[in-house]
């Protein structure tokens, strides 16, 4: 069954699909293309904000495929007719709030990617110093992040592969 929180956004040439249940808030989309992906705006996706080629490039960088795209010419006409009017706006922030209320932290190791932790938890540094109270974050496993201990997507650039995937 399709998740009712899923959204789609079109510029007439392509449609971008957002699946919030897959989103780990790696921030790649809005760090790379704030003109299109801006979680502070409603709706948070503005398909007129950049050329199609740039939108495709950024969507392809999504580490979990929470964002995907298709050319409209390749889609079933019924799928194109679907719109989100009348649905409550779902954004990365509303998903974070929903996850915040769920309780215990969960840990997921993404294949060839970061460690994703979600729930209620605190990140502590050396000697027990508290770094941050969080609901969700991605921790680097490749060792190449420029914002350690957090993932910044470098694993994709350097071709990080899990040792058991080789």
N, C-alpha and C. Protein backbone atom coordinates (compact mmCIF):
# COMPACT_ATOMS: atom_id res chain seq x y z
N UNK A 1 0.84 -1.19 0.00
CA UNK A 1 0.00 0.00 0.00
C UNK A 1 0.88 1.24 0.00
N UNK A 2 0.50 2.21 -0.78
CA UNK A 2 1.23 3.46 -0.91
C UNK A 2 1.09 4.30 0.38
N UNK A 3 2.19 4.86 0.86
CA UNK A 3 2.19 5.70 2.05
C UNK A 3 1.48 7.01 1.72
N UNK A 4 0.45 7.39 2.48
CA UNK A 4 -0.30 8.62 2.18
C UNK A 4 0.53 9.89 2.36
N UNK A 5 1.69 9.79 3.01
CA UNK A 5 2.55 10.97 3.18
C UNK A 5 3.41 11.23 1.95
N UNK A 6 3.53 10.25 1.04
CA UNK A 6 4.33 10.44 -0.17
C UNK A 6 3.80 11.63 -0.96
N UNK A 7 4.72 12.35 -1.60
CA UNK A 7 4.37 13.52 -2.38
C UNK A 7 5.05 13.46 -3.73
N UNK A 8 4.47 14.19 -4.69
CA UNK A 8 5.11 14.32 -5.99
C UNK A 8 4.99 15.77 -6.43
N UNK A 9 6.02 16.22 -7.14
CA UNK A 9 6.11 17.60 -7.60
C UNK A 9 6.59 17.58 -9.04
N UNK A 10 5.96 18.39 -9.91
CA UNK A 10 6.32 18.35 -11.32
C UNK A 10 6.61 19.75 -11.85
N UNK A 11 7.49 19.81 -12.84
CA UNK A 11 7.75 21.07 -13.55
C UNK A 11 7.26 20.97 -14.99
N UNK A 12 6.52 19.93 -15.31
CA UNK A 12 6.02 19.71 -16.66
C UNK A 12 6.90 18.77 -17.46
N UNK A 13 8.19 18.75 -17.15
CA UNK A 13 9.13 17.87 -17.85
C UNK A 13 9.42 16.59 -17.05
N UNK A 14 9.65 16.78 -15.75
CA UNK A 14 9.90 15.64 -14.85
C UNK A 14 9.00 15.77 -13.64
N UNK A 15 8.83 14.66 -12.94
CA UNK A 15 8.14 14.65 -11.65
C UNK A 15 9.12 14.09 -10.62
N UNK A 16 9.23 14.79 -9.49
CA UNK A 16 10.06 14.35 -8.38
C UNK A 16 9.12 13.76 -7.34
N UNK A 17 9.47 12.58 -6.88
CA UNK A 17 8.70 11.87 -5.86
C UNK A 17 9.47 11.93 -4.55
N UNK A 18 8.78 12.29 -3.47
CA UNK A 18 9.40 12.30 -2.14
C UNK A 18 8.69 11.29 -1.27
N UNK A 19 9.48 10.34 -0.71
CA UNK A 19 8.96 9.30 0.18
C UNK A 19 9.51 9.58 1.58
N UNK A 20 8.76 10.30 2.42
CA UNK A 20 9.25 10.69 3.73
C UNK A 20 9.70 9.53 4.61
N UNK A 21 9.09 8.36 4.45
CA UNK A 21 9.47 7.22 5.31
C UNK A 21 10.91 6.77 5.03
N UNK A 22 11.45 7.08 3.85
CA UNK A 22 12.83 6.72 3.52
C UNK A 22 13.82 7.82 3.86
N UNK A 23 13.32 9.03 4.14
CA UNK A 23 14.17 10.20 4.31
C UNK A 23 14.95 10.13 5.63
N UNK A 24 16.28 10.27 5.55
CA UNK A 24 17.12 10.28 6.75
C UNK A 24 17.61 11.69 7.06
N UNK A 25 17.11 12.66 6.34
CA UNK A 25 17.47 14.07 6.55
C UNK A 25 18.97 14.28 6.44
N UNK A 26 19.55 13.69 5.42
CA UNK A 26 20.98 13.86 5.17
C UNK A 26 21.27 15.29 4.71
N UNK A 27 20.26 16.05 4.37
CA UNK A 27 20.30 17.46 3.97
C UNK A 27 20.95 17.70 2.61
N UNK A 28 21.25 16.64 1.89
CA UNK A 28 21.90 16.79 0.58
C UNK A 28 21.05 17.64 -0.34
N UNK A 29 19.75 17.41 -0.38
CA UNK A 29 18.89 18.12 -1.33
C UNK A 29 18.94 19.62 -1.11
N UNK A 30 18.73 20.07 0.13
CA UNK A 30 18.69 21.52 0.29
C UNK A 30 20.06 22.15 0.44
N UNK A 31 21.09 21.39 0.81
CA UNK A 31 22.46 21.94 0.79
C UNK A 31 22.91 22.17 -0.64
N UNK A 32 22.49 21.29 -1.53
CA UNK A 32 22.91 21.37 -2.93
C UNK A 32 22.03 22.30 -3.77
N UNK A 33 20.75 22.43 -3.42
CA UNK A 33 19.83 23.17 -4.30
C UNK A 33 18.68 23.77 -3.49
N UNK A 34 19.00 24.77 -2.68
CA UNK A 34 18.00 25.41 -1.82
C UNK A 34 16.90 26.10 -2.62
N UNK A 35 17.19 26.47 -3.85
CA UNK A 35 16.19 27.13 -4.69
C UNK A 35 15.02 26.19 -5.00
N UNK A 36 15.26 24.90 -4.95
CA UNK A 36 14.22 23.91 -5.22
C UNK A 36 13.76 23.24 -3.93
N UNK A 37 14.71 22.81 -3.09
CA UNK A 37 14.39 22.05 -1.87
C UNK A 37 14.63 22.94 -0.66
N UNK A 38 13.57 23.53 -0.12
CA UNK A 38 13.70 24.45 1.00
C UNK A 38 12.70 24.06 2.08
N UNK A 39 13.15 23.35 3.12
CA UNK A 39 12.22 22.88 4.15
C UNK A 39 11.57 24.00 4.96
N UNK A 40 12.06 25.23 4.82
CA UNK A 40 11.45 26.35 5.52
C UNK A 40 10.32 26.99 4.73
N UNK A 41 10.05 26.49 3.55
CA UNK A 41 9.03 27.06 2.67
C UNK A 41 7.88 26.06 2.50
N UNK A 42 6.68 26.55 2.19
CA UNK A 42 5.53 25.69 1.91
C UNK A 42 5.00 26.02 0.53
N UNK A 43 4.85 25.08 -0.38
CA UNK A 43 5.38 23.73 -0.25
C UNK A 43 6.91 23.77 -0.27
N UNK A 44 7.52 22.75 0.28
CA UNK A 44 8.97 22.78 0.45
C UNK A 44 9.74 22.49 -0.83
N UNK A 45 9.07 21.98 -1.87
CA UNK A 45 9.70 21.71 -3.16
C UNK A 45 9.14 22.68 -4.20
N UNK A 46 10.04 23.45 -4.82
CA UNK A 46 9.68 24.41 -5.88
C UNK A 46 10.35 23.96 -7.16
N UNK A 47 9.62 23.24 -7.99
CA UNK A 47 10.20 22.66 -9.21
C UNK A 47 10.56 23.72 -10.25
N UNK A 48 10.15 24.96 -10.05
CA UNK A 48 10.50 26.04 -10.97
C UNK A 48 11.80 26.72 -10.55
N UNK A 49 12.40 26.28 -9.45
CA UNK A 49 13.56 26.96 -8.88
C UNK A 49 14.88 26.71 -9.58
N UNK A 50 14.96 25.75 -10.48
CA UNK A 50 16.22 25.43 -11.15
C UNK A 50 15.91 24.66 -12.43
N UNK A 51 16.89 24.60 -13.34
CA UNK A 51 16.70 23.82 -14.56
C UNK A 51 16.53 22.33 -14.23
N UNK A 52 15.78 21.64 -15.07
CA UNK A 52 15.51 20.21 -14.90
C UNK A 52 16.80 19.43 -14.71
N UNK A 53 17.81 19.70 -15.51
CA UNK A 53 19.08 18.98 -15.44
C UNK A 53 19.70 19.07 -14.05
N UNK A 54 19.62 20.24 -13.41
CA UNK A 54 20.19 20.43 -12.07
C UNK A 54 19.35 19.69 -11.02
N UNK A 55 18.03 19.72 -11.17
CA UNK A 55 17.16 18.99 -10.23
C UNK A 55 17.46 17.50 -10.29
N UNK A 56 17.60 16.96 -11.49
CA UNK A 56 17.92 15.53 -11.65
C UNK A 56 19.25 15.21 -10.98
N UNK A 57 20.24 16.07 -11.18
CA UNK A 57 21.57 15.86 -10.60
C UNK A 57 21.50 15.77 -9.07
N UNK A 58 20.75 16.67 -8.45
CA UNK A 58 20.65 16.69 -6.98
C UNK A 58 19.80 15.53 -6.48
N UNK A 59 18.69 15.24 -7.12
CA UNK A 59 17.84 14.12 -6.70
C UNK A 59 18.63 12.81 -6.77
N UNK A 60 19.47 12.66 -7.77
CA UNK A 60 20.29 11.45 -7.89
C UNK A 60 21.30 11.30 -6.76
N UNK A 61 21.56 12.36 -6.01
CA UNK A 61 22.50 12.30 -4.88
C UNK A 61 21.83 11.87 -3.58
N UNK A 62 20.51 11.74 -3.56
CA UNK A 62 19.81 11.36 -2.34
C UNK A 62 20.32 9.99 -1.87
N UNK A 63 20.86 9.91 -0.66
CA UNK A 63 21.49 8.65 -0.22
C UNK A 63 20.53 7.50 0.02
N UNK A 64 19.24 7.77 0.17
CA UNK A 64 18.29 6.69 0.47
C UNK A 64 17.21 6.51 -0.59
N UNK A 65 17.28 7.28 -1.65
CA UNK A 65 16.23 7.29 -2.68
C UNK A 65 14.88 7.74 -2.12
N UNK A 66 14.92 8.55 -1.07
CA UNK A 66 13.68 9.18 -0.59
C UNK A 66 13.19 10.15 -1.64
N UNK A 67 14.12 10.70 -2.43
CA UNK A 67 13.78 11.52 -3.59
C UNK A 67 14.12 10.72 -4.84
N UNK A 68 13.18 10.63 -5.74
CA UNK A 68 13.40 9.98 -7.03
C UNK A 68 12.71 10.83 -8.09
N UNK A 69 13.04 10.61 -9.33
CA UNK A 69 12.43 11.38 -10.41
C UNK A 69 12.14 10.50 -11.62
N UNK A 70 11.21 10.97 -12.44
CA UNK A 70 10.90 10.31 -13.71
C UNK A 70 10.54 11.40 -14.72
N UNK A 71 10.88 11.13 -16.00
CA UNK A 71 10.40 12.01 -17.06
C UNK A 71 8.90 11.82 -17.18
N UNK A 72 8.17 12.91 -17.30
CA UNK A 72 6.71 12.83 -17.42
C UNK A 72 6.29 12.02 -18.64
N UNK A 73 7.05 12.11 -19.73
CA UNK A 73 6.69 11.38 -20.95
C UNK A 73 6.75 9.86 -20.76
N UNK A 74 7.48 9.41 -19.73
CA UNK A 74 7.62 7.97 -19.46
C UNK A 74 6.62 7.46 -18.43
N UNK A 75 5.77 8.34 -17.93
CA UNK A 75 4.86 7.95 -16.85
C UNK A 75 3.47 7.64 -17.37
N UNK A 76 2.77 6.81 -16.65
CA UNK A 76 1.37 6.49 -16.91
C UNK A 76 0.56 7.79 -16.72
N UNK A 77 -0.29 8.15 -17.66
CA UNK A 77 -1.07 9.39 -17.54
C UNK A 77 -1.88 9.48 -16.24
N UNK A 78 -2.35 8.34 -15.73
CA UNK A 78 -3.09 8.37 -14.46
C UNK A 78 -2.20 8.81 -13.31
N UNK A 79 -0.93 8.40 -13.37
CA UNK A 79 0.01 8.79 -12.32
C UNK A 79 0.25 10.30 -12.36
N UNK A 80 0.29 10.86 -13.56
CA UNK A 80 0.49 12.30 -13.71
C UNK A 80 -0.70 13.09 -13.20
N UNK A 81 -1.87 12.49 -13.25
CA UNK A 81 -3.08 13.20 -12.83
C UNK A 81 -3.18 13.32 -11.31
N UNK A 82 -2.40 12.53 -10.58
CA UNK A 82 -2.45 12.57 -9.12
C UNK A 82 -1.86 13.88 -8.65
N UNK A 83 -2.57 14.55 -7.74
CA UNK A 83 -1.98 15.74 -7.12
C UNK A 83 -2.20 15.67 -5.63
N UNK A 84 -1.57 16.57 -4.92
CA UNK A 84 -1.60 16.53 -3.47
C UNK A 84 -2.54 17.58 -2.88
N UNK A 85 -3.37 18.21 -3.70
CA UNK A 85 -4.28 19.23 -3.18
C UNK A 85 -5.21 18.60 -2.14
N UNK A 86 -5.40 19.31 -1.06
CA UNK A 86 -6.27 18.80 -0.01
C UNK A 86 -5.55 17.94 1.01
N UNK A 87 -4.31 17.55 0.71
CA UNK A 87 -3.54 16.77 1.68
C UNK A 87 -2.79 17.73 2.59
N UNK A 88 -2.63 17.34 3.83
CA UNK A 88 -1.83 18.14 4.75
C UNK A 88 -0.39 18.16 4.25
N UNK A 89 0.24 19.34 4.32
CA UNK A 89 1.62 19.47 3.85
C UNK A 89 2.54 18.61 4.72
N UNK A 90 3.32 17.77 4.07
CA UNK A 90 4.30 16.94 4.76
C UNK A 90 5.67 17.49 4.37
N UNK A 91 6.49 17.78 5.35
CA UNK A 91 7.82 18.33 5.11
C UNK A 91 8.83 17.56 5.94
N UNK A 92 10.12 17.76 5.70
CA UNK A 92 11.11 17.11 6.56
C UNK A 92 10.89 17.43 8.04
N UNK A 93 10.44 18.65 8.37
CA UNK A 93 10.22 19.01 9.77
C UNK A 93 9.06 18.24 10.39
N UNK A 94 7.95 18.07 9.63
CA UNK A 94 6.81 17.35 10.21
C UNK A 94 7.15 15.88 10.42
N UNK A 95 7.97 15.33 9.55
CA UNK A 95 8.40 13.94 9.72
C UNK A 95 9.29 13.82 10.95
N UNK A 96 10.18 14.79 11.17
CA UNK A 96 11.04 14.78 12.36
C UNK A 96 10.18 14.82 13.61
N UNK A 97 9.16 15.66 13.63
CA UNK A 97 8.29 15.76 14.79
C UNK A 97 7.57 14.44 15.05
N UNK A 98 7.12 13.80 13.99
CA UNK A 98 6.44 12.51 14.12
C UNK A 98 7.40 11.48 14.71
N UNK A 99 8.63 11.45 14.22
CA UNK A 99 9.60 10.47 14.70
C UNK A 99 10.01 10.77 16.14
N UNK A 100 10.05 12.07 16.51
CA UNK A 100 10.44 12.47 17.85
C UNK A 100 9.51 11.87 18.90
N UNK A 101 8.25 11.76 18.54
CA UNK A 101 7.27 11.27 19.51
C UNK A 101 7.26 9.75 19.64
N UNK A 102 8.05 9.06 18.86
CA UNK A 102 7.99 7.59 18.86
C UNK A 102 8.81 6.92 19.96
N UNK A 103 9.69 7.65 20.65
CA UNK A 103 10.38 7.03 21.78
C UNK A 103 11.81 6.61 21.53
N UNK A 104 12.12 5.35 21.79
CA UNK A 104 13.49 4.83 21.78
C UNK A 104 14.23 5.09 20.48
N UNK A 105 15.54 5.18 20.61
CA UNK A 105 16.39 5.37 19.43
C UNK A 105 16.52 4.07 18.66
N UNK A 106 16.56 4.20 17.33
CA UNK A 106 16.77 3.07 16.44
C UNK A 106 18.03 3.34 15.64
N UNK A 107 18.79 2.31 15.36
CA UNK A 107 20.04 2.44 14.62
C UNK A 107 19.94 1.60 13.35
N UNK A 108 20.28 2.22 12.23
CA UNK A 108 20.23 1.54 10.94
C UNK A 108 21.55 1.80 10.22
N UNK A 109 22.22 0.76 9.81
CA UNK A 109 23.46 0.91 9.05
C UNK A 109 23.10 0.84 7.58
N UNK A 110 23.28 1.96 6.89
CA UNK A 110 22.94 2.04 5.47
C UNK A 110 24.03 1.33 4.67
N UNK A 111 23.63 0.51 3.71
CA UNK A 111 24.60 -0.19 2.86
C UNK A 111 25.47 0.84 2.15
N UNK A 112 26.78 0.68 2.29
CA UNK A 112 27.76 1.57 1.68
C UNK A 112 27.55 3.03 2.07
N UNK A 113 26.99 3.25 3.26
CA UNK A 113 26.71 4.61 3.69
C UNK A 113 26.83 4.79 5.18
N UNK A 114 26.14 5.78 5.71
CA UNK A 114 26.29 6.15 7.12
C UNK A 114 25.52 5.24 8.08
N UNK A 115 25.74 5.49 9.36
CA UNK A 115 24.93 4.92 10.43
C UNK A 115 23.84 5.95 10.70
N UNK A 116 22.59 5.55 10.58
CA UNK A 116 21.48 6.46 10.80
C UNK A 116 20.86 6.13 12.15
N UNK A 117 20.76 7.15 13.01
CA UNK A 117 20.16 6.98 14.33
C UNK A 117 18.96 7.90 14.40
N UNK A 118 17.82 7.34 14.82
CA UNK A 118 16.63 8.16 14.98
C UNK A 118 15.91 7.78 16.26
N UNK A 119 15.25 8.75 16.85
CA UNK A 119 14.56 8.58 18.12
C UNK A 119 14.98 9.69 19.06
N UNK A 120 14.85 9.47 20.34
CA UNK A 120 15.29 10.46 21.32
C UNK A 120 16.65 10.05 21.85
N UNK A 121 17.68 10.86 21.58
CA UNK A 121 19.02 10.53 22.05
C UNK A 121 19.87 11.78 22.12
N UNK A 122 20.98 11.66 22.83
CA UNK A 122 21.96 12.73 22.92
C UNK A 122 23.27 12.22 22.36
N UNK A 123 24.01 13.09 21.71
CA UNK A 123 25.33 12.76 21.22
C UNK A 123 26.31 13.36 22.21
N UNK A 124 27.21 12.52 22.73
CA UNK A 124 28.20 13.00 23.68
C UNK A 124 29.59 12.86 23.08
N UNK A 125 30.45 13.78 23.47
CA UNK A 125 31.82 13.77 22.97
C UNK A 125 32.75 13.11 23.96
N UNK A 126 34.02 13.37 23.79
CA UNK A 126 35.02 12.81 24.71
C UNK A 126 34.77 13.34 26.11
N UNK A 127 35.08 12.54 27.08
CA UNK A 127 34.92 12.87 28.49
C UNK A 127 33.47 13.19 28.85
N UNK A 128 32.52 12.67 28.06
CA UNK A 128 31.11 12.81 28.39
C UNK A 128 30.48 14.16 28.08
N UNK A 129 31.18 15.05 27.41
CA UNK A 129 30.59 16.35 27.09
C UNK A 129 29.46 16.17 26.09
N UNK A 130 28.34 16.83 26.36
CA UNK A 130 27.17 16.70 25.49
C UNK A 130 27.36 17.59 24.26
N UNK A 131 27.27 16.96 23.09
CA UNK A 131 27.39 17.71 21.84
C UNK A 131 26.04 18.21 21.37
N UNK A 132 25.05 17.33 21.40
CA UNK A 132 23.76 17.69 20.82
C UNK A 132 22.67 16.73 21.26
N UNK A 133 21.47 17.25 21.51
CA UNK A 133 20.30 16.40 21.71
C UNK A 133 19.61 16.36 20.36
N UNK A 134 19.27 15.16 19.88
CA UNK A 134 18.76 15.02 18.52
C UNK A 134 17.60 14.06 18.43
N UNK A 135 16.92 14.11 17.28
CA UNK A 135 15.88 13.13 16.97
C UNK A 135 16.33 12.23 15.82
N UNK A 136 17.24 12.73 14.98
CA UNK A 136 17.73 11.93 13.87
C UNK A 136 19.04 12.51 13.37
N UNK A 137 19.97 11.64 13.05
CA UNK A 137 21.19 12.09 12.40
C UNK A 137 21.85 10.91 11.70
N UNK A 138 22.80 11.24 10.86
CA UNK A 138 23.58 10.23 10.14
C UNK A 138 25.04 10.40 10.55
N UNK A 139 25.65 9.31 11.00
CA UNK A 139 27.05 9.34 11.41
C UNK A 139 27.93 8.74 10.32
N UNK A 140 29.08 9.35 10.10
CA UNK A 140 30.02 8.91 9.07
C UNK A 140 30.62 7.55 9.42
N UNK A 141 30.70 6.68 8.41
CA UNK A 141 31.42 5.41 8.56
C UNK A 141 32.64 5.35 7.66
N UNK A 142 32.72 6.25 6.67
CA UNK A 142 33.81 6.16 5.70
C UNK A 142 35.08 6.86 6.18
N UNK A 143 34.93 7.74 7.17
CA UNK A 143 36.09 8.47 7.68
C UNK A 143 36.44 9.71 6.88
N UNK A 144 35.68 10.02 5.84
CA UNK A 144 36.02 11.14 4.97
C UNK A 144 35.19 12.39 5.16
N UNK A 145 34.22 12.37 6.06
CA UNK A 145 33.34 13.52 6.23
C UNK A 145 34.10 14.75 6.68
N UNK A 146 33.69 15.90 6.18
CA UNK A 146 34.27 17.17 6.61
C UNK A 146 33.53 17.74 7.82
N UNK A 147 32.52 17.04 8.30
CA UNK A 147 31.80 17.49 9.50
C UNK A 147 31.66 16.34 10.49
N UNK A 148 32.77 15.68 10.76
CA UNK A 148 32.78 14.54 11.68
C UNK A 148 32.20 14.94 13.02
N UNK A 149 31.46 14.07 13.68
CA UNK A 149 31.25 12.66 13.35
C UNK A 149 30.07 12.44 12.40
N UNK A 150 29.51 13.52 11.86
CA UNK A 150 28.30 13.43 11.05
C UNK A 150 28.62 13.18 9.58
N UNK A 151 27.71 12.49 8.91
CA UNK A 151 27.85 12.19 7.48
C UNK A 151 27.55 13.44 6.67
N UNK A 152 28.38 13.72 5.68
CA UNK A 152 28.09 14.82 4.75
C UNK A 152 27.98 14.33 3.32
N UNK A 153 27.87 13.02 3.14
CA UNK A 153 27.72 12.45 1.81
C UNK A 153 29.03 12.12 1.11
N UNK A 154 30.16 12.34 1.78
CA UNK A 154 31.46 12.07 1.17
C UNK A 154 31.61 10.62 0.74
N UNK A 155 30.94 9.69 1.44
CA UNK A 155 31.06 8.27 1.09
C UNK A 155 30.74 8.01 -0.37
N UNK A 156 29.81 8.79 -0.93
CA UNK A 156 29.47 8.62 -2.35
C UNK A 156 30.61 9.10 -3.24
N UNK A 157 31.23 10.21 -2.86
CA UNK A 157 32.31 10.78 -3.68
C UNK A 157 33.55 9.89 -3.69
N UNK A 158 33.83 9.25 -2.55
CA UNK A 158 35.06 8.45 -2.46
C UNK A 158 34.83 6.97 -2.76
N UNK A 159 33.57 6.61 -3.02
CA UNK A 159 33.28 5.20 -3.38
C UNK A 159 33.36 4.25 -2.21
N UNK A 160 32.98 4.71 -1.02
CA UNK A 160 33.00 3.84 0.15
C UNK A 160 32.13 2.62 -0.06
N UNK A 161 32.67 1.44 0.25
CA UNK A 161 31.93 0.19 0.12
C UNK A 161 32.12 -0.62 1.38
N UNK A 162 31.01 -1.15 1.90
CA UNK A 162 31.08 -2.01 3.09
C UNK A 162 32.01 -3.20 2.78
N UNK A 163 32.78 -3.61 3.75
CA UNK A 163 33.70 -4.72 3.52
C UNK A 163 32.96 -6.02 3.20
N UNK A 164 31.74 -6.19 3.73
CA UNK A 164 31.00 -7.41 3.42
C UNK A 164 30.27 -7.31 2.07
N UNK A 165 30.34 -6.15 1.37
CA UNK A 165 29.68 -5.99 0.07
C UNK A 165 30.63 -6.27 -1.09
N UNK A 166 31.90 -6.45 -0.79
CA UNK A 166 32.89 -6.61 -1.86
C UNK A 166 32.88 -7.98 -2.45
